[in-house]
N, C-alpha and C. Protein backbone atom coordinates (compact mmCIF):
# COMPACT_ATOMS: atom_id res chain seq x y z
N UNK A 1 91.04 66.81 108.82
CA UNK A 1 90.66 67.43 110.07
C UNK A 1 91.94 67.87 110.78
N UNK A 2 92.15 69.11 110.81
CA UNK A 2 93.33 69.67 111.46
C UNK A 2 93.00 69.90 112.93
N UNK A 3 93.81 69.35 113.81
CA UNK A 3 93.56 69.49 115.24
C UNK A 3 94.44 70.62 115.77
N UNK A 4 93.80 71.67 116.30
CA UNK A 4 94.58 72.79 116.86
C UNK A 4 95.51 72.30 117.97
N UNK A 5 96.72 72.77 117.92
CA UNK A 5 97.70 72.43 118.95
C UNK A 5 98.48 71.15 118.70
N UNK A 6 98.11 70.40 117.66
CA UNK A 6 98.85 69.16 117.35
C UNK A 6 100.06 69.52 116.50
N UNK A 7 101.22 69.32 117.06
CA UNK A 7 102.46 69.68 116.33
C UNK A 7 102.65 68.84 115.07
N UNK A 8 102.25 67.57 115.13
CA UNK A 8 102.39 66.71 113.97
C UNK A 8 101.47 67.17 112.84
N UNK A 9 100.25 67.57 113.19
CA UNK A 9 99.34 68.13 112.17
C UNK A 9 99.98 69.35 111.50
N UNK A 10 100.52 70.23 112.30
CA UNK A 10 101.14 71.44 111.76
C UNK A 10 102.33 71.10 110.87
N UNK A 11 103.16 70.16 111.32
CA UNK A 11 104.34 69.77 110.55
C UNK A 11 103.93 69.15 109.20
N UNK A 12 102.94 68.26 109.25
CA UNK A 12 102.50 67.60 108.03
C UNK A 12 101.80 68.57 107.07
N UNK A 13 101.03 69.51 107.62
CA UNK A 13 100.40 70.52 106.76
C UNK A 13 101.47 71.39 106.09
N UNK A 14 102.52 71.71 106.84
CA UNK A 14 103.61 72.50 106.27
C UNK A 14 104.30 71.73 105.14
N UNK A 15 104.56 70.45 105.38
CA UNK A 15 105.19 69.61 104.34
C UNK A 15 104.30 69.54 103.09
N UNK A 16 103.00 69.35 103.30
CA UNK A 16 102.07 69.27 102.18
C UNK A 16 102.01 70.60 101.43
N UNK A 17 101.95 71.70 102.15
CA UNK A 17 101.93 73.02 101.53
C UNK A 17 103.19 73.26 100.71
N UNK A 18 104.34 72.91 101.26
CA UNK A 18 105.60 73.05 100.53
C UNK A 18 105.60 72.20 99.26
N UNK A 19 105.11 70.96 99.38
CA UNK A 19 105.06 70.07 98.22
C UNK A 19 104.12 70.61 97.15
N UNK A 20 102.99 71.19 97.56
CA UNK A 20 102.06 71.78 96.59
C UNK A 20 102.72 72.97 95.88
N UNK A 21 103.42 73.79 96.64
CA UNK A 21 104.11 74.94 96.06
C UNK A 21 105.16 74.48 95.05
N UNK A 22 105.97 73.49 95.45
CA UNK A 22 107.01 72.97 94.55
C UNK A 22 106.41 72.40 93.28
N UNK A 23 105.31 71.63 93.42
CA UNK A 23 104.65 71.06 92.25
C UNK A 23 104.15 72.17 91.33
N UNK A 24 103.50 73.17 91.89
CA UNK A 24 102.99 74.27 91.07
C UNK A 24 104.10 75.00 90.33
N UNK A 25 105.20 75.22 91.02
CA UNK A 25 106.32 75.94 90.41
C UNK A 25 106.92 75.15 89.25
N UNK A 26 107.22 73.88 89.46
CA UNK A 26 107.85 73.10 88.39
C UNK A 26 106.86 72.85 87.25
N UNK A 27 105.59 72.72 87.58
CA UNK A 27 104.57 72.52 86.54
C UNK A 27 104.46 73.77 85.66
N UNK A 28 104.48 74.95 86.28
CA UNK A 28 104.46 76.20 85.49
C UNK A 28 105.70 76.32 84.62
N UNK A 29 106.85 75.97 85.18
CA UNK A 29 108.10 76.04 84.40
C UNK A 29 108.03 75.09 83.21
N UNK A 30 107.46 73.92 83.42
CA UNK A 30 107.33 72.95 82.35
C UNK A 30 106.42 73.48 81.24
N UNK A 31 105.32 74.06 81.62
CA UNK A 31 104.38 74.62 80.63
C UNK A 31 105.00 75.78 79.86
N UNK A 32 105.75 76.62 80.56
CA UNK A 32 106.44 77.72 79.89
C UNK A 32 107.47 77.19 78.90
N UNK A 33 108.16 76.13 79.28
CA UNK A 33 109.15 75.53 78.37
C UNK A 33 108.47 75.02 77.11
N UNK A 34 107.28 74.45 77.26
CA UNK A 34 106.53 73.97 76.09
C UNK A 34 106.15 75.14 75.19
N UNK A 35 105.70 76.23 75.81
CA UNK A 35 105.31 77.41 75.02
C UNK A 35 106.51 78.02 74.29
N UNK A 36 107.65 77.98 74.95
CA UNK A 36 108.87 78.55 74.36
C UNK A 36 109.53 77.59 73.38
N UNK A 37 108.99 76.41 73.32
CA UNK A 37 109.55 75.36 72.45
C UNK A 37 111.03 75.09 72.76
N UNK A 38 111.28 74.90 74.04
CA UNK A 38 112.65 74.56 74.46
C UNK A 38 113.03 73.20 73.90
N UNK A 39 114.29 72.87 74.03
CA UNK A 39 114.79 71.61 73.50
C UNK A 39 114.05 70.43 74.12
N UNK A 40 113.99 69.33 73.38
CA UNK A 40 113.33 68.13 73.92
C UNK A 40 113.98 67.63 75.21
N UNK A 41 115.29 67.82 75.33
CA UNK A 41 115.98 67.38 76.54
C UNK A 41 115.50 68.15 77.76
N UNK A 42 115.36 69.47 77.61
CA UNK A 42 114.89 70.31 78.73
C UNK A 42 113.45 69.95 79.06
N UNK A 43 112.63 69.78 78.04
CA UNK A 43 111.24 69.41 78.27
C UNK A 43 111.14 68.07 78.99
N UNK A 44 111.98 67.11 78.62
CA UNK A 44 111.96 65.80 79.27
C UNK A 44 112.38 65.91 80.74
N UNK A 45 113.40 66.71 81.00
CA UNK A 45 113.84 66.91 82.39
C UNK A 45 112.74 67.57 83.22
N UNK A 46 112.09 68.55 82.64
CA UNK A 46 111.02 69.23 83.36
C UNK A 46 109.83 68.28 83.60
N UNK A 47 109.52 67.43 82.63
CA UNK A 47 108.44 66.45 82.81
C UNK A 47 108.77 65.51 83.97
N UNK A 48 110.03 65.08 84.02
CA UNK A 48 110.45 64.21 85.12
C UNK A 48 110.35 64.96 86.45
N UNK A 49 110.68 66.24 86.43
CA UNK A 49 110.56 67.05 87.64
C UNK A 49 109.11 67.18 88.08
N UNK A 50 108.21 67.36 87.13
CA UNK A 50 106.78 67.45 87.45
C UNK A 50 106.31 66.12 88.04
N UNK A 51 106.73 65.01 87.45
CA UNK A 51 106.33 63.70 87.96
C UNK A 51 106.85 63.49 89.39
N UNK A 52 108.09 63.88 89.63
CA UNK A 52 108.66 63.72 90.97
C UNK A 52 107.94 64.61 91.97
N UNK A 53 107.67 65.85 91.58
CA UNK A 53 106.97 66.77 92.48
C UNK A 53 105.56 66.27 92.78
N UNK A 54 104.89 65.70 91.78
CA UNK A 54 103.55 65.15 91.99
C UNK A 54 103.61 63.97 92.96
N UNK A 55 104.64 63.14 92.82
CA UNK A 55 104.81 62.01 93.74
C UNK A 55 104.95 62.49 95.18
N UNK A 56 105.83 63.47 95.41
CA UNK A 56 106.06 63.98 96.76
C UNK A 56 104.84 64.70 97.31
N UNK A 57 104.11 65.40 96.44
CA UNK A 57 102.87 66.06 96.86
C UNK A 57 101.86 65.00 97.32
N UNK A 58 101.70 63.96 96.51
CA UNK A 58 100.74 62.90 96.85
C UNK A 58 101.16 62.15 98.12
N UNK A 59 102.45 61.92 98.27
CA UNK A 59 102.96 61.23 99.46
C UNK A 59 102.71 62.07 100.71
N UNK A 60 102.92 63.37 100.61
CA UNK A 60 102.69 64.27 101.75
C UNK A 60 101.20 64.27 102.12
N UNK A 61 100.34 64.28 101.12
CA UNK A 61 98.90 64.26 101.38
C UNK A 61 98.50 62.93 102.04
N UNK A 62 99.06 61.83 101.58
CA UNK A 62 98.77 60.53 102.18
C UNK A 62 99.17 60.50 103.64
N UNK A 63 100.39 60.97 103.95
CA UNK A 63 100.84 61.00 105.34
C UNK A 63 99.95 61.89 106.19
N UNK A 64 99.54 63.03 105.64
CA UNK A 64 98.65 63.94 106.35
C UNK A 64 97.31 63.26 106.65
N UNK A 65 96.73 62.62 105.66
CA UNK A 65 95.44 61.94 105.86
C UNK A 65 95.56 60.80 106.87
N UNK A 66 96.67 60.06 106.80
CA UNK A 66 96.87 58.97 107.76
C UNK A 66 96.95 59.52 109.18
N UNK A 67 97.66 60.61 109.35
CA UNK A 67 97.77 61.21 110.68
C UNK A 67 96.42 61.73 111.14
N UNK A 68 95.71 62.41 110.26
CA UNK A 68 94.40 62.95 110.64
C UNK A 68 93.44 61.83 111.04
N UNK A 69 93.57 60.67 110.42
CA UNK A 69 92.72 59.53 110.77
C UNK A 69 92.98 59.08 112.21
N UNK A 70 94.20 59.26 112.71
CA UNK A 70 94.47 58.87 114.09
C UNK A 70 93.68 59.74 115.06
N UNK A 71 93.46 60.99 114.70
CA UNK A 71 92.65 61.87 115.55
C UNK A 71 91.20 61.41 115.54
N UNK A 72 90.71 60.99 114.39
CA UNK A 72 89.32 60.53 114.30
C UNK A 72 89.13 59.25 115.09
N UNK A 73 90.12 58.36 115.07
CA UNK A 73 90.04 57.12 115.82
C UNK A 73 90.02 57.42 117.33
N UNK A 74 90.90 58.33 117.76
CA UNK A 74 90.95 58.70 119.15
C UNK A 74 89.65 59.35 119.60
N UNK A 75 89.08 60.20 118.74
CA UNK A 75 87.82 60.87 119.08
C UNK A 75 86.70 59.85 119.22
N UNK A 76 86.65 58.87 118.33
CA UNK A 76 85.62 57.85 118.38
C UNK A 76 85.78 56.98 119.65
N UNK A 77 87.02 56.69 119.99
CA UNK A 77 87.28 55.86 121.17
C UNK A 77 86.91 56.59 122.45
N UNK A 78 87.08 57.92 122.45
CA UNK A 78 86.78 58.71 123.64
C UNK A 78 85.27 58.87 123.85
N UNK A 79 84.49 58.66 122.80
CA UNK A 79 83.04 58.86 122.90
C UNK A 79 82.35 57.73 123.61
């Protein structure tokens, strides 16, 4: 639940969007390396990059969900 005007919501959505973009980019590069049959070393590095990007993507989503939950708690308390 994105709250209009909440700077933290906007900041966290931006971080999550950036992390999703980074994950997609490195994942595509990794798949292209597999198709090109690049060296095992390059493939291993790209796999590690995909894993790291997935970690940061998931962490950004977790922080976003945790923040969004604070809005739901506040809304419930105000009712």
